Amino acid sequence: MAIIIFYEKPGCVNNTKQKDILQSVGHTVKSQNLLTQSWSPETLHQFLKDKPLWEWFNRTAPQIRDGEIVPEKLDEQTALGLMVKYPIIIRRPLIQIGDSYTVGFDLVKLNAWVNLRNASEQAKGLDLETCPRTFGDW
């Protein structure tokens, strides 16, 4: 079984469900607080580089929701700099499995890296990407 480093926002309902799915099929999940991690643009880029820039962002973060930060208007360097400064805007989770890195909870990609067996059945019908709390205390 794999050791999965899982960068999350503590208390996030969907991050908890995502970790439960990974653990239920026997993987070891090492949770890290995404908000207090000391990020560099280079480190973040490892997780984000395979996605279009606009998919790097947590759309429910106050700065994005309120229009302070508009991902579609940013270049890569500016986006990474803002994420270092405001980690709440980073899409969750960030996942590292060995030398593989990703952002978001993509069951197809994760299953290609580590066997998730019946995890897709557990996740059937669940929205594991959209934050159920779009307002409130961040």
C-alpha atoms as a PDB file:
ATOM      1  CA  MET A   1       0.000   0.000   0.000  1.00  0.00           C
ATOM      2  CA  ALA A   2       1.065   3.559  -0.665  1.00  0.00           C
ATOM      3  CA  ILE A   3       2.009   6.373   1.657  1.00  0.00           C
ATOM      4  CA  ILE A   4       0.040   9.422   0.545  1.00  0.00           C
ATOM      5  CA  ILE A   5       0.960  12.919   1.673  1.00  0.00           C
ATOM      6  CA  PHE A   6      -2.300  14.846   1.707  1.00  0.00           C
ATOM      7  CA  TYR A   7      -2.258  18.627   2.058  1.00  0.00           C
ATOM      8  CA  GLU A   8      -5.638  19.772   3.303  1.00  0.00           C
ATOM      9  CA  LYS A   9      -7.516  22.513   5.052  1.00  0.00           C
ATOM     10  CA  PRO A  10      -8.184  21.039   8.516  1.00  0.00           C
ATOM     11  CA  GLY A  11     -11.897  20.681   9.106  1.00  0.00           C
ATOM     12  CA  CYS A  12     -12.773  20.597   5.399  1.00  0.00           C
ATOM     13  CA  VAL A  13     -15.665  18.156   5.012  1.00  0.00           C
ATOM     14  CA  ASN A  14     -14.642  16.974   1.552  1.00  0.00           C
ATOM     15  CA  ASN A  15     -10.978  16.559   2.482  1.00  0.00           C
ATOM     16  CA  THR A  16     -12.121  14.268   5.303  1.00  0.00           C
ATOM     17  CA  LYS A  17     -14.239  12.201   2.872  1.00  0.00           C
ATOM     18  CA  GLN A  18     -11.332  12.025   0.416  1.00  0.00           C
ATOM     19  CA  LYS A  19      -8.915  10.792   3.096  1.00  0.00           C
ATOM     20  CA  ASP A  20     -11.477   8.238   4.286  1.00  0.00           C
ATOM     21  CA  ILE A  21     -11.708   6.802   0.769  1.00  0.00           C
ATOM     22  CA  LEU A  22      -7.925   6.488   0.468  1.00  0.00           C
ATOM     23  CA  GLN A  23      -7.603   4.890   3.909  1.00  0.00           C
ATOM     24  CA  SER A  24     -10.532   2.519   3.355  1.00  0.00           C
ATOM     25  CA  VAL A  25      -8.605   0.722   0.615  1.00  0.00           C
ATOM     26  CA  GLY A  26      -5.512   0.364   2.802  1.00  0.00           C
ATOM     27  CA  HIS A  27      -3.343   3.366   1.992  1.00  0.00           C
ATOM     28  CA  THR A  28      -1.566   5.371   4.683  1.00  0.00           C
ATOM     29  CA  VAL A  29      -2.552   9.037   4.572  1.00  0.00           C
ATOM     30  CA  LYS A  30      -0.243  11.579   6.167  1.00  0.00           C
ATOM     31  CA  SER A  31      -2.261  14.767   6.575  1.00  0.00           C
ATOM     32  CA  GLN A  32      -0.553  18.136   6.373  1.00  0.00           C
ATOM     33  CA  ASN A  33      -2.075  21.563   6.915  1.00  0.00           C
ATOM     34  CA  LEU A  34      -2.045  23.276   3.521  1.00  0.00           C
ATOM     35  CA  LEU A  35      -2.626  26.665   5.155  1.00  0.00           C
ATOM     36  CA  THR A  36       0.411  26.604   7.467  1.00  0.00           C
ATOM     37  CA  GLN A  37       2.850  24.803   5.168  1.00  0.00           C
ATOM     38  CA  SER A  38       5.848  26.873   4.104  1.00  0.00           C
ATOM     39  CA  TRP A  39       5.332  26.953   0.327  1.00  0.00           C
ATOM     40  CA  SER A  40       7.621  28.155  -2.425  1.00  0.00           C
ATOM     41  CA  PRO A  41       6.497  28.775  -6.000  1.00  0.00           C
ATOM     42  CA  GLU A  42       8.688  25.869  -7.141  1.00  0.00           C
ATOM     43  CA  THR A  43       7.194  23.411  -4.655  1.00  0.00           C
ATOM     44  CA  LEU A  44       3.632  24.424  -5.489  1.00  0.00           C
ATOM     45  CA  HIS A  45       4.323  24.165  -9.200  1.00  0.00           C
ATOM     46  CA  GLN A  46       5.124  20.439  -8.811  1.00  0.00           C
ATOM     47  CA  PHE A  47       1.504  19.844  -7.774  1.00  0.00           C
ATOM     48  CA  LEU A  48      -0.111  22.236 -10.252  1.00  0.00           C
ATOM     49  CA  LYS A  49       1.870  22.001 -13.487  1.00  0.00           C
ATOM     50  CA  ASP A  50      -0.322  19.360 -15.164  1.00  0.00           C
ATOM     51  CA  LYS A  51      -3.499  21.455 -14.883  1.00  0.00           C
ATOM     52  CA  PRO A  52      -4.501  24.666 -16.624  1.00  0.00           C
ATOM     53  CA  LEU A  53      -3.776  27.679 -14.422  1.00  0.00           C
ATOM     54  CA  TRP A  54      -7.446  28.440 -13.753  1.00  0.00           C
ATOM     55  CA  GLU A  55      -7.846  24.939 -12.237  1.00  0.00           C
ATOM     56  CA  TRP A  56      -5.190  25.678  -9.598  1.00  0.00           C
ATOM     57  CA  PHE A  57      -7.579  27.783  -7.529  1.00  0.00           C
ATOM     58  CA  ASN A  58     -10.078  27.188  -4.754  1.00  0.00           C
ATOM     59  CA  ARG A  59     -13.068  29.002  -6.266  1.00  0.00           C
ATOM     60  CA  THR A  60     -14.755  29.360  -2.881  1.00  0.00           C
ATOM     61  CA  ALA A  61     -11.833  31.203  -1.257  1.00  0.00           C
ATOM     62  CA  PRO A  62     -12.986  34.686  -0.204  1.00  0.00           C
ATOM     63  CA  GLN A  63     -10.405  36.508  -2.352  1.00  0.00           C
ATOM     64  CA  ILE A  64     -11.587  34.675  -5.459  1.00  0.00           C
ATOM     65  CA  ARG A  65     -15.280  34.548  -4.637  1.00  0.00           C
ATOM     66  CA  ASP A  66     -15.275  38.306  -3.942  1.00  0.00           C
ATOM     67  CA  GLY A  67     -13.322  39.152  -7.105  1.00  0.00           C
ATOM     68  CA  GLU A  68     -10.123  40.401  -5.437  1.00  0.00           C
ATOM     69  CA  ILE A  69      -8.186  37.739  -7.332  1.00  0.00           C
ATOM     70  CA  VAL A  70      -9.304  36.732 -10.829  1.00  0.00           C
ATOM     71  CA  PRO A  71      -7.367  33.598 -11.858  1.00  0.00           C
ATOM     72  CA  GLU A  72      -8.106  34.062 -15.554  1.00  0.00           C
ATOM     73  CA  LYS A  73      -6.227  37.380 -15.493  1.00  0.00           C
ATOM     74  CA  LEU A  74      -3.044  35.982 -13.922  1.00  0.00           C
ATOM     75  CA  ASP A  75       0.155  34.649 -15.379  1.00  0.00           C
ATOM     76  CA  GLU A  76       1.804  31.599 -13.826  1.00  0.00           C
ATOM     77  CA  GLN A  77       4.436  33.481 -11.817  1.00  0.00           C
ATOM     78  CA  THR A  78       1.885  35.900 -10.330  1.00  0.00           C
ATOM     79  CA  ALA A  79      -0.520  33.062  -9.515  1.00  0.00           C
ATOM     80  CA  LEU A  80       2.157  31.092  -7.669  1.00  0.00           C
ATOM     81  CA  GLY A  81       3.262  34.197  -5.758  1.00  0.00           C
ATOM     82  CA  LEU A  82      -0.310  34.857  -4.622  1.00  0.00           C
ATOM     83  CA  MET A  83      -0.685  31.227  -3.535  1.00  0.00           C
ATOM     84  CA  VAL A  84       2.446  31.466  -1.404  1.00  0.00           C
ATOM     85  CA  LYS A  85       1.020  34.609   0.197  1.00  0.00           C
ATOM     86  CA  TYR A  86      -2.602  33.368   0.485  1.00  0.00           C
ATOM     87  CA  PRO A  87      -2.628  29.549   0.646  1.00  0.00           C
ATOM     88  CA  ILE A  88      -6.413  29.534   1.155  1.00  0.00           C
ATOM     89  CA  ILE A  89      -6.710  30.213  -2.598  1.00  0.00           C
ATOM     90  CA  ILE A  90      -4.978  26.912  -3.491  1.00  0.00           C
ATOM     91  CA  ARG A  91      -7.326  24.210  -4.738  1.00  0.00           C
ATOM     92  CA  ARG A  92      -7.432  21.251  -2.384  1.00  0.00           C
ATOM     93  CA  PRO A  93      -6.162  18.721  -1.786  1.00  0.00           C
ATOM     94  CA  LEU A  94      -2.568  18.689  -2.886  1.00  0.00           C
ATOM     95  CA  ILE A  95      -1.458  15.056  -3.046  1.00  0.00           C
ATOM     96  CA  GLN A  96       1.997  13.523  -3.217  1.00  0.00           C
ATOM     97  CA  ILE A  97       2.541   9.813  -3.764  1.00  0.00           C
ATOM     98  CA  GLY A  98       6.245   9.083  -4.102  1.00  0.00           C
ATOM     99  CA  ASP A  99       7.504  11.244  -6.962  1.00  0.00           C
ATOM    100  CA  SER A 100       3.997  11.953  -8.303  1.00  0.00           C
ATOM    101  CA  TYR A 101       2.139  15.169  -7.504  1.00  0.00           C
ATOM    102  CA  THR A 102      -1.388  16.401  -8.213  1.00  0.00           C
ATOM    103  CA  VAL A 103      -4.025  18.918  -7.200  1.00  0.00           C
ATOM    104  CA  GLY A 104      -7.664  18.011  -6.637  1.00  0.00           C
ATOM    105  CA  PHE A 105      -9.166  14.609  -6.008  1.00  0.00           C
ATOM    106  CA  ASP A 106      -9.119  12.894  -9.399  1.00  0.00           C
ATOM    107  CA  LEU A 107     -10.059   9.255  -8.803  1.00  0.00           C
ATOM    108  CA  VAL A 108      -9.008   8.177 -12.304  1.00  0.00           C
ATOM    109  CA  LYS A 109      -5.535   9.677 -11.909  1.00  0.00           C
ATOM    110  CA  LEU A 110      -5.136   8.381  -8.350  1.00  0.00           C
ATOM    111  CA  ASN A 111      -6.249   4.889  -9.380  1.00  0.00           C
ATOM    112  CA  ALA A 112      -3.573   4.901 -12.092  1.00  0.00           C
ATOM    113  CA  TRP A 113      -0.949   5.679  -9.445  1.00  0.00           C
ATOM    114  CA  VAL A 114      -2.202   3.431  -6.641  1.00  0.00           C
ATOM    115  CA  ASN A 115      -4.905   0.779  -6.677  1.00  0.00           C
ATOM    116  CA  LEU A 116      -8.080   2.271  -5.267  1.00  0.00           C
ATOM    117  CA  ARG A 117     -10.079  -0.951  -5.795  1.00  0.00           C
ATOM    118  CA  ASN A 118     -13.692  -0.099  -4.934  1.00  0.00           C
ATOM    119  CA  ALA A 119     -13.072   3.568  -4.138  1.00  0.00           C
ATOM    120  CA  SER A 120     -15.000   4.717  -7.196  1.00  0.00           C
ATOM    121  CA  GLU A 121     -18.062   2.906  -5.836  1.00  0.00           C
ATOM    122  CA  GLN A 122     -17.664   4.669  -2.490  1.00  0.00           C
ATOM    123  CA  ALA A 123     -17.413   8.011  -4.260  1.00  0.00           C
ATOM    124  CA  LYS A 124     -20.322   7.384  -6.631  1.00  0.00           C
ATOM    125  CA  GLY A 125     -22.746  10.280  -6.490  1.00  0.00           C
ATOM    126  CA  LEU A 126     -20.565  12.320  -4.133  1.00  0.00           C
ATOM    127  CA  ASP A 127     -19.243  15.743  -5.073  1.00  0.00           C
ATOM    128  CA  LEU A 128     -15.787  15.482  -3.554  1.00  0.00           C
ATOM    129  CA  GLU A 129     -14.410  18.613  -5.223  1.00  0.00           C
ATOM    130  CA  THR A 130     -16.833  21.442  -4.452  1.00  0.00           C
ATOM    131  CA  CYS A 131     -16.608  22.933  -0.979  1.00  0.00           C
ATOM    132  CA  PRO A 132     -20.010  22.607   0.717  1.00  0.00           C
ATOM    133  CA  ARG A 133     -19.190  25.743   2.749  1.00  0.00           C
ATOM    134  CA  THR A 134     -18.995  28.629   0.342  1.00  0.00           C
ATOM    135  CA  PHE A 135     -19.314  31.261   3.028  1.00  0.00           C
ATOM    136  CA  GLY A 136     -18.278  31.594   6.634  1.00  0.00           C
ATOM    137  CA  ASP A 137     -15.128  31.306   8.678  1.00  0.00           C
ATOM    138  CA  TRP A 138     -12.059  30.453   6.606  1.00  0.00           C
END
